[in-house]
Amino acid sequence: MFYQTLREALDGTYRTADLQKLAALLSPKVPSRKNERLELIVIAMFSDLHGVYMKLPKLAQRAVSETVHSWDGKFQGRMFANKYKSSPWPQAGTRYQRELLDIFLIGNSMPHDLFVKLKSIVPHPPEDMIRYTTKEELSATELSVKNTSRPALVNLATFLNLSADSKIRVSAKTGKGTAATIRKMNELLYEPDWYEGDSDINYMQAYAWPLLLQGGRLAKADGSFLKLTPAGRKAVQKDLAGGIKTIWEKWEKSKITDEFARVTAIKGQRSNRGRTMTTPTKRRPMINNMLRDIQPGEWISIDEFARIMQSNAVYSFELANYDWRLYFSDPNYGCIDGGDTWPLLQLRYILVYLFEYCATLGIIDIAYGEPYEARTEDYSSCWGAWDLPYLSHCDGLQYIRVNDLGAFVMGHSDEYTEQEPDGDLFSFDATEMILLNPGSLPPGLELYLDKIAKRSEVDRYRFSQASLLNAINGGENLSVIKKTLQASASGEFSEELSQLFTDVAYRSTAFMSAGQTTLIKCSQEARKMALANKKLSSLCMPAGDKYLVAVPGKELQLIKALEAAGYILGF
């Protein structure tokens, strides 16, 4: 309850015996009457507020400082415990002995008059410092470490190309990829999924990509298939890193899915007509704030990430509106609203958001182990959850770091320069391209080559006039094709291939569309008159014996010129 004055708070909260103990902390002589005790405490506090504050133990001073410099004057126990790793009350739990701190914080809230006066007395609390993990500490673990940026960029190119060819089928209702599509996308990943071969863990990257493309507005559902948006076409042709940035920025407000729905062990998420859970659009910005505040290139443990998120209000979010509607196994017995639900709810959401979505996007590198038994202490005492091998398939995530791509996406750097794969990928022989190492060809590039050339052998692609013209007709750009090939090639184009590109450049521009034209049918006599008329002949051209064609863009002028000559354009 919120109180305007210290006297109201003391009177409304404490019994006479409590007031006696509190008054004794401020004066050696305690009155016998309640009103007199209240008066003594209030006068003693406000007559020497700084002096009383200085009598508090160090941790208690920190608790007052954290409360005074909050916006609402409420003491946040979880934040304090995570920041200082202790309680400000020496006997927390029993609380039989009243402390001086109980006058400052009454019912975990500070009376308004005390709150206002302490603003100018109490210093700001120290900032919480993030503890990063050293490379030596990480090396001492037996975790799998993945650098994600290049795989994500290649995967983005792959799946944008698939969308352009209408090969990603999604549910019209949920936007999720179909089971067959997810299996196919999983096969095309640049590198195997995090838990490749584990049949108990559903696909992660292939599951997330169709949702990310839609939530990032690079693709949209057109019937049962994804189609590229203008932003998607720009990304695949010119700026994949910019495409990743667009997805991350748009995803924050996307309503296509709730990432926590993947934590299937917790039931009841869709109860109360979907109002049980808070909207993800209010959770994601909080995690993104934390990601932006991490030093790029530095590893941080998930436990430290979670601690900082709980110790600072700028990262705080609620996952459920009604915790009591969520349960394990049986709604009559397994409700999870008793006790500390943060490890069950917020932490699991953070794990899924980081592992399945941010890592898939390539903005954080990850170090992880198996999810089995990784965090059982969080839920093993919950009714109905005793035998769960993990609560979330993302429980194995242990460390993350914001990489170079993430630094660009989050605004730490103005541009991103992709690291090219080691070594050249192919060379040229006449009009053929020879793969130097077929097994190292990224799937996205392989799909691209299938569009612009024909595979003649396992390690060879043949370019022809027809293949290149078909590619241009399908929306590809000849200069982009040339730059893409030269970027990963050993040596220059062969003479034959250079000539082929020159010929195709001519053939693709020899006839250019000048826009739609108006065809006018007329008699031979009228046709002769129009072509002999100085004004009319400048606005139209002959087309056969019975037709004239209006000069593109001059249709209205031609109509007015006909009217001036005493004619109208009939229909």
Protein backbone atom coordinates (compact mmCIF):
# COMPACT_ATOMS: atom_id res chain seq x y z
CA MET A 1 0.00 0.00 0.00
CA PHE A 2 1.22 3.51 -0.83
CA TYR A 3 1.27 6.13 1.96
CA GLN A 4 1.69 9.88 1.61
CA THR A 5 3.30 10.40 5.02
CA LEU A 6 5.62 8.46 7.30
CA ARG A 7 3.15 8.77 10.19
CA GLU A 8 0.33 7.21 8.12
CA ALA A 9 2.60 4.36 7.04
CA LEU A 10 3.77 3.58 10.57
CA ASP A 11 0.25 3.77 11.96
CA GLY A 12 -1.27 1.68 9.20
CA THR A 13 1.38 -1.04 9.15
CA TYR A 14 2.87 -1.67 12.60
CA ARG A 15 1.39 -2.84 15.86
CA THR A 16 2.13 -1.09 19.15
CA ALA A 17 4.83 -3.64 20.02
CA ASP A 18 6.54 -3.04 16.66
CA LEU A 19 6.48 0.72 17.23
CA GLN A 20 8.05 0.26 20.63
CA LYS A 21 11.01 -1.60 19.07
CA LEU A 22 11.39 0.95 16.28
CA ALA A 23 11.20 3.91 18.69
CA ALA A 24 13.85 2.28 20.86
CA LEU A 25 16.22 2.39 17.89
CA LEU A 26 15.93 6.20 17.85
CA SER A 27 15.60 7.13 21.54
CA PRO A 28 16.65 5.56 24.83
CA LYS A 29 13.31 6.56 26.35
CA VAL A 30 10.18 5.18 24.65
CA PRO A 31 6.69 6.54 25.46
CA SER A 32 3.98 4.10 26.49
CA ARG A 33 1.23 5.38 24.20
CA LYS A 34 1.01 4.54 20.51
CA ASN A 35 0.43 8.13 19.32
CA GLU A 36 3.40 9.33 21.33
CA ARG A 37 5.61 6.61 19.86
CA LEU A 38 4.51 7.62 16.37
CA GLU A 39 5.29 11.25 17.15
CA LEU A 40 8.72 10.36 18.54
CA ILE A 41 9.70 8.34 15.46
CA VAL A 42 8.54 11.00 12.99
CA ILE A 43 10.26 13.87 14.85
CA ALA A 44 13.47 11.90 15.32
CA MET A 45 13.56 10.97 11.64
CA PHE A 46 12.94 14.38 10.12
CA SER A 47 15.01 16.35 12.65
CA ASP A 48 18.18 14.45 11.65
CA LEU A 49 17.35 12.49 8.50
CA HIS A 50 20.94 12.31 7.27
CA GLY A 51 22.20 11.21 10.65
CA VAL A 52 19.61 8.42 10.92
CA TYR A 53 20.42 7.32 7.38
CA MET A 54 24.12 7.10 8.25
CA LYS A 55 23.32 4.77 11.16
CA LEU A 56 22.04 2.18 8.71
CA PRO A 57 24.32 -0.75 7.82
CA LYS A 58 25.96 -0.46 4.40
CA LEU A 59 23.55 -2.83 2.66
CA ALA A 60 20.57 -1.10 4.23
CA GLN A 61 21.89 2.24 2.92
CA ARG A 62 22.08 0.67 -0.52
CA ALA A 63 18.45 -0.45 -0.20
CA VAL A 64 17.34 3.09 0.68
CA SER A 65 19.44 4.51 -2.15
CA GLU A 66 17.99 2.10 -4.72
CA THR A 67 14.45 2.98 -3.56
CA VAL A 68 14.93 6.74 -3.34
CA HIS A 69 16.35 6.91 -6.85
CA SER A 70 13.63 4.78 -8.41
CA TRP A 71 10.68 6.43 -10.09
CA ASP A 72 7.97 5.08 -7.77
CA GLY A 73 9.61 4.74 -4.36
CA LYS A 74 9.20 0.99 -4.20
CA PHE A 75 11.87 -1.40 -3.01
CA GLN A 76 12.51 -4.11 -5.61
CA GLY A 77 13.70 -7.13 -3.66
CA ARG A 78 14.58 -9.26 -6.68
CA MET A 79 16.62 -6.51 -8.30
CA PHE A 80 18.45 -5.80 -5.04
CA ALA A 81 19.25 -9.46 -4.37
CA ASN A 82 20.64 -9.92 -7.88
CA LYS A 83 22.70 -6.75 -7.76
CA TYR A 84 24.14 -7.12 -4.26
CA LYS A 85 23.76 -10.90 -3.83
CA SER A 86 22.26 -10.40 -0.37
CA SER A 87 19.24 -9.04 1.50
CA PRO A 88 19.44 -5.64 3.24
CA TRP A 89 17.77 -7.16 6.31
CA PRO A 90 20.23 -9.20 8.39
CA GLN A 91 17.53 -11.60 9.52
CA ALA A 92 15.59 -11.93 6.28
CA GLY A 93 13.04 -14.71 6.53
CA THR A 94 12.44 -14.57 10.28
CA ARG A 95 12.13 -10.78 10.68
CA TYR A 96 11.31 -11.10 14.41
CA GLN A 97 13.77 -8.31 15.17
CA ARG A 98 12.76 -4.91 13.84
CA GLU A 99 15.53 -3.00 12.07
CA LEU A 100 16.07 0.70 11.50
CA LEU A 101 15.50 -0.02 7.82
CA ASP A 102 11.88 -0.85 8.67
CA ILE A 103 11.23 2.86 9.20
CA PHE A 104 12.57 3.77 5.76
CA LEU A 105 10.94 0.89 3.92
CA ILE A 106 7.46 0.04 5.11
CA GLY A 107 5.83 -2.83 3.28
CA ASN A 108 8.55 -2.61 0.59
CA SER A 109 7.51 0.96 -0.14
CA MET A 110 8.75 4.37 1.03
CA PRO A 111 6.25 6.99 2.27
CA HIS A 112 6.09 9.94 -0.10
CA ASP A 113 7.22 12.67 2.32
CA LEU A 114 10.28 10.60 3.26
CA PHE A 115 10.91 9.79 -0.40
CA VAL A 116 10.96 13.51 -1.36
CA LYS A 117 13.28 14.62 1.48
CA LEU A 118 15.77 11.81 0.97
CA LYS A 119 16.26 12.70 -2.72
CA SER A 120 18.73 15.44 -1.84
CA ILE A 121 20.39 13.49 0.98
CA VAL A 122 20.98 9.99 -0.32
CA PRO A 123 23.58 9.50 -3.07
CA HIS A 124 22.77 7.58 -6.23
CA PRO A 125 23.42 3.84 -5.96
CA PRO A 126 26.48 2.42 -7.72
CA GLU A 127 25.97 1.08 -11.22
CA ASP A 128 25.87 -2.66 -11.56
CA MET A 129 28.90 -3.94 -13.44
CA ILE A 130 28.67 -6.74 -15.98
CA ARG A 131 31.15 -9.54 -15.38
CA TYR A 132 32.37 -10.90 -18.69
CA THR A 133 33.79 -14.37 -19.21
CA THR A 134 37.40 -14.64 -20.32
CA LYS A 135 38.44 -16.81 -23.25
CA GLU A 136 40.42 -18.95 -20.83
CA GLU A 137 37.33 -19.57 -18.72
CA LEU A 138 35.32 -20.48 -21.80
CA SER A 139 38.07 -22.74 -23.12
CA ALA A 140 38.01 -24.67 -19.85
CA THR A 141 34.43 -25.78 -20.55
CA GLU A 142 33.44 -28.63 -22.85
CA LEU A 143 30.81 -26.61 -24.69
CA SER A 144 30.20 -26.32 -28.42
CA VAL A 145 31.13 -22.84 -29.65
CA LYS A 146 29.54 -21.47 -32.83
CA ASN A 147 30.28 -18.31 -34.78
CA THR A 148 26.94 -17.53 -36.38
CA SER A 149 27.24 -14.47 -38.62
CA ARG A 150 28.41 -16.02 -41.91
CA PRO A 151 26.02 -19.01 -41.69
CA ALA A 152 23.15 -16.59 -41.03
CA LEU A 153 23.98 -14.42 -44.04
CA VAL A 154 24.25 -17.45 -46.33
CA ASN A 155 21.03 -18.90 -44.90
CA LEU A 156 19.26 -15.59 -45.45
CA ALA A 157 20.32 -15.60 -49.11
CA THR A 158 19.21 -19.22 -49.46
CA PHE A 159 15.77 -18.70 -48.00
CA LEU A 160 15.14 -15.41 -49.75
CA ASN A 161 15.90 -17.17 -53.04
CA LEU A 162 13.55 -20.00 -52.04
CA SER A 163 10.86 -17.42 -51.29
CA ALA A 164 11.42 -15.79 -54.67
CA ASP A 165 10.80 -19.19 -56.27
CA SER A 166 7.71 -19.90 -54.11
CA LYS A 167 9.32 -22.88 -52.42
CA ILE A 168 8.64 -22.03 -48.77
CA ARG A 169 5.17 -23.28 -47.85
CA VAL A 170 3.65 -21.89 -44.67
CA SER A 171 0.43 -22.23 -42.74
CA ALA A 172 -2.01 -19.51 -43.76
CA LYS A 173 -3.20 -19.32 -40.14
CA THR A 174 0.03 -19.33 -38.14
CA GLY A 175 2.70 -18.34 -40.69
CA LYS A 176 4.83 -21.29 -39.58
CA GLY A 177 6.61 -23.43 -42.15
CA THR A 178 5.01 -26.78 -42.91
CA ALA A 179 6.73 -29.91 -41.63
CA ALA A 180 7.99 -30.82 -45.12
CA THR A 181 9.26 -27.28 -45.71
CA ILE A 182 11.11 -27.19 -42.39
CA ARG A 183 12.80 -30.50 -43.18
CA LYS A 184 13.86 -29.21 -46.59
CA MET A 185 15.14 -25.92 -45.15
CA ASN A 186 17.08 -27.83 -42.51
CA GLU A 187 18.89 -29.74 -45.29
CA LEU A 188 19.87 -26.43 -46.94
CA LEU A 189 21.38 -24.79 -43.86
CA TYR A 190 24.96 -23.59 -44.40
CA GLU A 191 25.99 -25.50 -41.28
CA PRO A 192 24.04 -28.21 -39.42
CA ASP A 193 21.51 -27.09 -36.85
CA TRP A 194 22.66 -26.76 -33.24
CA TYR A 195 21.41 -30.20 -32.23
CA GLU A 196 21.54 -31.97 -35.59
CA GLY A 197 20.66 -35.64 -35.24
CA ASP A 198 18.84 -35.28 -31.91
CA SER A 199 15.34 -36.50 -32.72
CA ASP A 200 14.03 -35.32 -29.33
CA ILE A 201 14.76 -31.67 -30.14
CA ASN A 202 12.72 -30.09 -32.89
CA TYR A 203 14.39 -28.12 -35.66
CA MET A 204 15.48 -24.71 -34.43
CA GLN A 205 16.93 -22.60 -37.25
CA ALA A 206 14.67 -24.03 -39.96
CA TYR A 207 11.68 -23.48 -37.67
CA ALA A 208 12.62 -19.86 -36.96
CA TRP A 209 13.55 -18.67 -40.47
CA PRO A 210 10.05 -18.56 -42.08
CA LEU A 211 8.79 -16.61 -39.07
CA LEU A 212 11.76 -14.24 -39.09
CA LEU A 213 11.35 -13.51 -42.81
CA GLN A 214 7.71 -12.60 -42.27
CA GLY A 215 8.18 -10.78 -38.97
CA GLY A 216 11.05 -8.82 -40.54
CA ARG A 217 8.88 -8.02 -43.57
CA LEU A 218 11.34 -9.39 -46.09
CA ALA A 219 8.70 -11.90 -47.19
CA LYS A 220 4.96 -12.25 -46.80
CA ALA A 221 2.50 -15.08 -47.17
CA ASP A 222 0.76 -15.17 -50.54
CA GLY A 223 -1.67 -18.03 -50.21
CA SER A 224 0.34 -20.97 -48.90
CA PHE A 225 3.77 -19.73 -50.00
CA LEU A 226 6.12 -16.92 -49.06
CA LYS A 227 6.76 -14.16 -51.59
CA LEU A 228 9.52 -11.58 -51.42
CA THR A 229 8.68 -7.99 -50.50
CA PRO A 230 10.62 -5.08 -52.06
CA ALA A 231 12.80 -5.07 -48.90
CA GLY A 232 13.47 -8.78 -49.39
CA ARG A 233 14.49 -8.29 -53.03
CA LYS A 234 16.84 -5.49 -52.00
CA ALA A 235 18.42 -7.66 -49.31
CA VAL A 236 19.08 -10.64 -51.59
CA GLN A 237 20.45 -8.51 -54.42
CA LYS A 238 22.51 -5.92 -52.56
CA ASP A 239 22.57 -5.98 -48.78
CA LEU A 240 22.24 -9.19 -46.76
CA ALA A 241 23.62 -7.58 -43.59
CA GLY A 242 21.09 -4.80 -43.97
CA GLY A 243 18.43 -7.49 -44.32
CA ILE A 244 19.46 -9.01 -40.99
CA LYS A 245 19.26 -5.56 -39.40
CA THR A 246 15.79 -5.01 -40.86
CA ILE A 247 14.57 -8.32 -39.48
CA TRP A 248 15.88 -7.60 -35.98
CA GLU A 249 14.36 -4.12 -35.89
CA LYS A 250 10.97 -5.22 -37.26
CA TRP A 251 10.87 -8.42 -35.19
CA GLU A 252 10.71 -6.39 -31.98
CA LYS A 253 7.12 -5.36 -32.79
CA SER A 254 6.07 -8.44 -34.73
CA LYS A 255 2.99 -10.32 -33.55
CA ILE A 256 3.44 -13.37 -35.77
CA THR A 257 4.44 -15.63 -32.87
CA ASP A 258 5.25 -15.81 -29.17
CA GLU A 259 8.67 -17.39 -28.76
CA PHE A 260 7.64 -18.80 -25.37
CA ALA A 261 5.10 -21.07 -27.06
CA ARG A 262 8.05 -23.38 -27.79
CA VAL A 263 8.27 -24.11 -24.04
CA THR A 264 5.60 -26.77 -24.41
CA ALA A 265 6.09 -28.27 -20.95
CA ILE A 266 4.29 -25.26 -19.47
CA LYS A 267 0.60 -25.58 -20.26
CA GLY A 268 -2.23 -23.07 -20.22
CA GLN A 269 -0.51 -20.39 -22.28
CA ARG A 270 -3.54 -19.92 -24.52
CA SER A 271 -6.11 -19.88 -21.72
CA ASN A 272 -8.36 -16.93 -20.94
CA ARG A 273 -8.75 -16.31 -24.69
CA GLY A 274 -5.03 -15.75 -25.11
CA ARG A 275 -4.77 -13.09 -22.40
CA THR A 276 -2.83 -15.24 -19.94
CA MET A 277 0.52 -14.24 -21.49
CA THR A 278 1.81 -10.71 -21.97
CA THR A 279 2.51 -9.59 -25.51
CA PRO A 280 6.03 -10.37 -26.82
CA THR A 281 6.22 -6.81 -28.18
CA LYS A 282 6.74 -5.62 -24.59
CA ARG A 283 9.33 -8.28 -23.74
CA ARG A 284 11.65 -8.17 -26.73
CA PRO A 285 12.65 -4.48 -26.31
CA MET A 286 13.85 -5.26 -22.76
CA ILE A 287 16.12 -8.08 -23.92
CA ASN A 288 17.29 -5.96 -26.85
CA ASN A 289 18.19 -3.16 -24.42
CA MET A 290 20.38 -5.62 -22.56
CA LEU A 291 21.99 -6.89 -25.77
CA ARG A 292 22.83 -3.32 -26.81
CA ASP A 293 24.51 -2.70 -23.46
CA ILE A 294 26.82 -5.72 -23.78
CA GLN A 295 30.33 -4.97 -25.00
CA PRO A 296 30.60 -6.45 -28.53
CA GLY A 297 33.14 -9.25 -28.75
CA GLU A 298 32.96 -10.12 -25.03
CA TRP A 299 31.51 -13.42 -23.80
CA ILE A 300 28.90 -13.28 -21.05
CA SER A 301 27.31 -16.22 -19.26
CA ILE A 302 23.56 -16.68 -19.38
CA ASP A 303 23.52 -16.63 -15.57
CA GLU A 304 25.22 -13.22 -15.58
CA PHE A 305 22.93 -12.02 -18.38
CA ALA A 306 19.91 -13.08 -16.29
CA ARG A 307 21.34 -11.51 -13.13
CA ILE A 308 21.80 -8.12 -14.78
CA MET A 309 18.30 -8.26 -16.27
CA GLN A 310 16.87 -8.82 -12.80
CA SER A 311 19.00 -6.15 -11.13
CA ASN A 312 17.99 -3.23 -13.34
CA ALA A 313 14.48 -1.92 -14.03
CA VAL A 314 15.32 -0.94 -17.61
CA TYR A 315 15.48 -4.64 -18.49
CA SER A 316 12.50 -5.81 -16.42
CA PHE A 317 9.49 -7.46 -18.04
CA GLU A 318 6.57 -9.69 -17.11
CA LEU A 319 5.87 -12.85 -19.06
CA ALA A 320 2.36 -13.70 -17.84
CA ASN A 321 -0.64 -11.66 -16.79
CA TYR A 322 -1.98 -14.59 -14.81
CA ASP A 323 0.74 -16.95 -13.51
CA TRP A 324 -1.88 -19.07 -11.79
CA ARG A 325 -3.33 -20.19 -15.13
CA LEU A 326 -0.02 -21.82 -16.12
CA TYR A 327 0.73 -25.33 -14.98
CA PHE A 328 2.68 -28.53 -15.43
CA SER A 329 0.87 -31.74 -16.33
CA ASP A 330 -2.47 -31.14 -14.54
CA PRO A 331 -4.25 -27.76 -14.16
CA ASN A 332 -5.67 -28.85 -10.78
CA TYR A 333 -2.30 -29.59 -9.18
CA GLY A 334 0.58 -28.23 -11.24
CA CYS A 335 0.00 -24.46 -11.10
CA ILE A 336 3.29 -22.59 -11.09
CA ASP A 337 2.25 -19.34 -9.41
CA GLY A 338 3.64 -20.38 -6.02
CA GLY A 339 7.14 -19.23 -5.17
CA ASP A 340 9.70 -17.75 -7.55
CA THR A 341 8.50 -18.09 -11.16
CA TRP A 342 11.23 -15.99 -12.82
CA PRO A 343 13.48 -18.99 -13.65
CA LEU A 344 10.48 -20.83 -15.09
CA LEU A 345 9.08 -17.97 -17.17
CA GLN A 346 11.33 -14.98 -17.91
CA LEU A 347 14.55 -16.99 -17.98
CA ARG A 348 13.09 -19.59 -20.35
CA TYR A 349 11.81 -16.85 -22.64
CA ILE A 350 15.27 -15.25 -22.70
CA LEU A 351 16.87 -18.61 -23.55
CA VAL A 352 14.52 -19.27 -26.48
CA TYR A 353 14.74 -15.69 -27.75
CA LEU A 354 18.54 -15.71 -27.72
CA PHE A 355 19.18 -19.27 -28.90
CA GLU A 356 16.45 -19.89 -31.44
CA TYR A 357 16.05 -16.41 -32.88
CA CYS A 358 19.07 -14.12 -32.20
CA ALA A 359 21.63 -16.88 -32.87
CA THR A 360 19.72 -17.96 -35.98
CA LEU A 361 19.91 -14.35 -37.19
CA GLY A 362 23.67 -14.45 -36.65
CA ILE A 363 23.90 -11.45 -34.30
CA ILE A 364 25.24 -13.41 -31.30
CA ASP A 365 27.80 -16.20 -31.15
CA ILE A 366 26.93 -19.03 -28.77
CA ALA A 367 28.53 -21.60 -26.48
CA TYR A 368 26.18 -24.40 -25.48
CA GLY A 369 25.86 -27.96 -24.26
CA GLU A 370 23.08 -30.51 -24.18
CA PRO A 371 19.82 -29.26 -22.65
CA TYR A 372 19.27 -32.46 -20.70
CA GLU A 373 19.57 -31.92 -16.95
CA ALA A 374 21.17 -28.51 -17.63
CA ARG A 375 18.86 -26.45 -15.40
CA THR A 376 16.77 -28.99 -13.49
CA GLU A 377 17.17 -27.05 -10.23
CA ASP A 378 14.75 -24.45 -11.60
CA TYR A 379 11.79 -26.81 -11.87
CA SER A 380 12.58 -30.15 -10.18
CA SER A 381 10.54 -29.21 -7.11
CA CYS A 382 7.48 -28.20 -9.16
CA TRP A 383 4.51 -30.57 -9.09
CA GLY A 384 4.27 -32.51 -12.35
CA ALA A 385 7.74 -31.50 -13.60
CA TRP A 386 9.88 -34.00 -11.67
CA ASP A 387 10.68 -36.25 -14.63
CA LEU A 388 11.24 -33.58 -17.31
CA PRO A 389 14.73 -33.93 -18.88
CA TYR A 390 14.62 -30.19 -19.63
CA LEU A 391 12.08 -27.41 -19.40
CA SER A 392 13.07 -25.78 -22.69
CA HIS A 393 14.99 -27.23 -25.62
CA CYS A 394 17.19 -24.12 -25.26
CA ASP A 395 18.27 -24.91 -21.69
CA GLY A 396 21.74 -25.88 -22.93
CA LEU A 397 22.71 -22.31 -23.88
CA GLN A 398 25.47 -21.19 -21.50
CA TYR A 399 27.33 -18.20 -23.02
CA ILE A 400 26.76 -15.60 -25.73
CA ARG A 401 28.65 -12.70 -27.26
CA VAL A 402 27.52 -9.93 -29.60
CA ASN A 403 29.59 -10.45 -32.76
CA ASP A 404 30.57 -8.01 -35.55
CA LEU A 405 27.28 -8.50 -37.38
CA GLY A 406 25.40 -7.95 -34.12
CA ALA A 407 27.42 -4.78 -33.45
CA PHE A 408 26.32 -3.45 -36.85
CA VAL A 409 22.69 -4.48 -36.35
CA MET A 410 22.55 -2.87 -32.88
CA GLY A 411 24.12 0.39 -34.01
CA HIS A 412 27.61 0.05 -32.53
CA SER A 413 29.17 0.30 -36.00
CA ASP A 414 28.01 2.00 -39.19
CA GLU A 415 28.80 -0.84 -41.57
CA TYR A 416 29.48 -4.53 -41.70
CA THR A 417 32.14 -6.15 -43.83
CA GLU A 418 31.50 -9.83 -44.33
CA GLN A 419 34.43 -12.14 -43.95
CA GLU A 420 34.84 -14.12 -47.12
CA PRO A 421 35.40 -17.90 -46.96
CA ASP A 422 39.00 -19.00 -46.93
CA GLY A 423 40.35 -19.69 -50.42
CA ASP A 424 38.78 -19.45 -53.85
CA LEU A 425 35.66 -21.42 -54.67
CA PHE A 426 36.03 -21.83 -58.45
CA SER A 427 37.96 -21.10 -61.63
CA PHE A 428 36.90 -20.61 -65.28
CA ASP A 429 37.50 -22.68 -68.37
CA ALA A 430 35.96 -21.35 -71.61
CA THR A 431 32.23 -20.87 -70.74
CA GLU A 432 32.37 -23.28 -67.82
CA MET A 433 32.99 -22.64 -64.13
CA ILE A 434 34.92 -25.35 -62.28
CA LEU A 435 34.31 -25.80 -58.54
CA LEU A 436 37.62 -26.14 -56.71
CA ASN A 437 35.96 -27.78 -53.72
CA PRO A 438 32.33 -28.77 -54.39
CA GLY A 439 31.76 -29.64 -50.74
CA SER A 440 32.55 -26.08 -49.58
CA LEU A 441 30.00 -24.39 -51.85
CA PRO A 442 27.50 -22.53 -49.64
CA PRO A 443 23.88 -23.62 -50.24
CA GLY A 444 22.81 -20.04 -50.95
CA LEU A 445 25.44 -19.65 -53.66
CA GLU A 446 24.53 -23.07 -55.04
CA LEU A 447 20.91 -21.97 -55.44
CA TYR A 448 22.09 -18.77 -57.10
CA LEU A 449 24.26 -20.66 -59.58
CA ASP A 450 21.31 -22.87 -60.47
CA LYS A 451 19.51 -19.72 -61.58
CA ILE A 452 22.23 -18.38 -63.84
CA ALA A 453 23.88 -21.52 -65.25
CA LYS A 454 23.32 -25.21 -65.86
CA ARG A 455 25.18 -27.82 -63.85
CA SER A 456 26.93 -30.08 -66.33
CA GLU A 457 28.89 -32.22 -63.82
CA VAL A 458 29.30 -32.45 -60.06
CA ASP A 459 32.04 -29.84 -60.16
CA ARG A 460 31.08 -27.84 -63.25
CA TYR A 461 28.55 -25.18 -64.27
CA ARG A 462 28.09 -24.15 -67.90
CA PHE A 463 27.03 -20.62 -68.84
CA SER A 464 25.12 -19.97 -72.03
CA GLN A 465 23.31 -17.15 -73.73
CA ALA A 466 19.99 -18.78 -72.82
CA SER A 467 20.84 -19.33 -69.11
CA LEU A 468 21.99 -15.75 -68.59
CA LEU A 469 19.07 -14.20 -70.50
CA ASN A 470 16.62 -16.35 -68.54
CA ALA A 471 18.23 -15.18 -65.29
CA ILE A 472 17.96 -11.52 -66.34
CA ASN A 473 14.38 -12.08 -67.42
CA GLY A 474 13.74 -13.51 -63.93
CA GLY A 475 14.96 -10.34 -62.22
CA GLU A 476 18.72 -10.89 -61.88
CA ASN A 477 21.21 -8.16 -62.76
CA LEU A 478 24.04 -8.98 -65.18
CA SER A 479 26.62 -6.76 -63.45
CA VAL A 480 25.72 -8.30 -60.06
CA ILE A 481 26.13 -11.78 -61.55
CA LYS A 482 29.57 -10.85 -62.84
CA LYS A 483 30.69 -9.35 -59.50
CA THR A 484 29.38 -12.35 -57.55
CA LEU A 485 31.35 -14.77 -59.71
CA GLN A 486 34.54 -12.73 -59.69
CA ALA A 487 34.46 -12.28 -55.88
CA SER A 488 35.15 -15.97 -55.18
CA ALA A 489 37.00 -16.99 -58.31
CA SER A 490 40.61 -17.94 -58.92
CA GLY A 491 41.77 -15.83 -61.84
CA GLU A 492 39.91 -13.69 -64.37
CA PHE A 493 37.09 -14.63 -66.73
CA SER A 494 38.17 -16.66 -69.74
CA GLU A 495 38.08 -14.89 -73.09
CA GLU A 496 35.04 -16.97 -74.13
CA LEU A 497 33.12 -16.14 -70.95
CA SER A 498 33.94 -12.43 -71.21
CA GLN A 499 32.66 -12.43 -74.80
CA LEU A 500 29.50 -14.27 -73.69
CA PHE A 501 28.78 -11.59 -71.06
CA THR A 502 29.39 -8.83 -73.64
CA ASP A 503 27.00 -10.52 -76.08
CA VAL A 504 24.34 -11.02 -73.39
CA ALA A 505 24.71 -7.38 -72.28
CA TYR A 506 23.96 -6.30 -75.87
CA ARG A 507 21.09 -8.75 -76.37
CA SER A 508 19.44 -7.77 -73.07
CA THR A 509 19.43 -4.05 -73.98
CA ALA A 510 18.99 -4.05 -77.79
CA PHE A 511 15.21 -3.87 -77.39
CA MET A 512 13.95 -1.84 -74.45
CA SER A 513 10.40 -1.31 -73.29
CA ALA A 514 9.47 2.36 -73.64
CA GLY A 515 6.17 2.04 -71.84
CA GLN A 516 2.62 1.30 -72.93
CA THR A 517 1.38 2.81 -76.18
CA THR A 518 -2.03 3.68 -77.64
CA LEU A 519 -2.90 1.98 -80.94
CA ILE A 520 -5.32 3.99 -83.09
CA LYS A 521 -7.30 2.45 -85.96
CA CYS A 522 -8.03 4.82 -88.87
CA SER A 523 -8.97 4.91 -92.55
CA GLN A 524 -6.24 5.35 -95.16
CA GLU A 525 -7.53 8.86 -95.92
CA ALA A 526 -7.47 9.89 -92.23
CA ARG A 527 -4.06 8.27 -91.81
CA LYS A 528 -2.60 10.30 -94.70
CA MET A 529 -4.13 13.51 -93.31
CA ALA A 530 -2.64 12.94 -89.84
CA LEU A 531 0.84 12.17 -91.16
CA ALA A 532 0.73 15.24 -93.40
CA ASN A 533 -0.36 17.50 -90.53
CA LYS A 534 2.73 19.08 -88.92
CA LYS A 535 1.25 19.07 -85.43
CA LEU A 536 -0.32 15.60 -85.53
CA SER A 537 2.65 13.92 -87.20
CA SER A 538 4.87 14.93 -84.26
CA LEU A 539 2.56 13.11 -81.84
CA CYS A 540 2.02 9.80 -83.66
CA MET A 541 3.76 7.24 -85.89
CA PRO A 542 2.50 4.96 -88.67
CA ALA A 543 1.83 1.29 -87.86
CA GLY A 544 0.83 -0.69 -90.90
CA ASP A 545 -1.73 0.54 -93.46
CA LYS A 546 -4.66 1.14 -91.07
CA TYR A 547 -3.10 2.16 -87.73
CA LEU A 548 -1.29 4.95 -85.98
CA VAL A 549 0.58 4.68 -82.66
CA ALA A 550 0.58 7.57 -80.20
CA VAL A 551 4.05 8.60 -79.02
CA PRO A 552 4.36 7.28 -75.41
CA GLY A 553 3.43 10.03 -72.97
CA LYS A 554 1.85 12.22 -75.69
CA GLU A 555 -1.63 10.62 -75.73
CA LEU A 556 -3.49 13.62 -74.26
CA GLN A 557 -1.68 16.05 -76.53
CA LEU A 558 -2.64 13.91 -79.54
CA ILE A 559 -6.29 13.91 -78.50
CA LYS A 560 -6.30 17.71 -78.14
CA ALA A 561 -4.52 18.13 -81.52
CA LEU A 562 -7.18 15.94 -83.18
CA GLU A 563 -9.92 18.08 -81.62
CA ALA A 564 -8.18 21.25 -82.85
CA ALA A 565 -8.18 19.72 -86.36
CA GLY A 566 -11.94 18.99 -86.08
CA TYR A 567 -11.81 15.32 -85.03
CA ILE A 568 -12.33 13.28 -81.87
CA LEU A 569 -10.79 9.95 -80.81
CA GLY A 570 -13.60 7.42 -80.96
CA PHE A 571 -13.94 4.13 -79.01
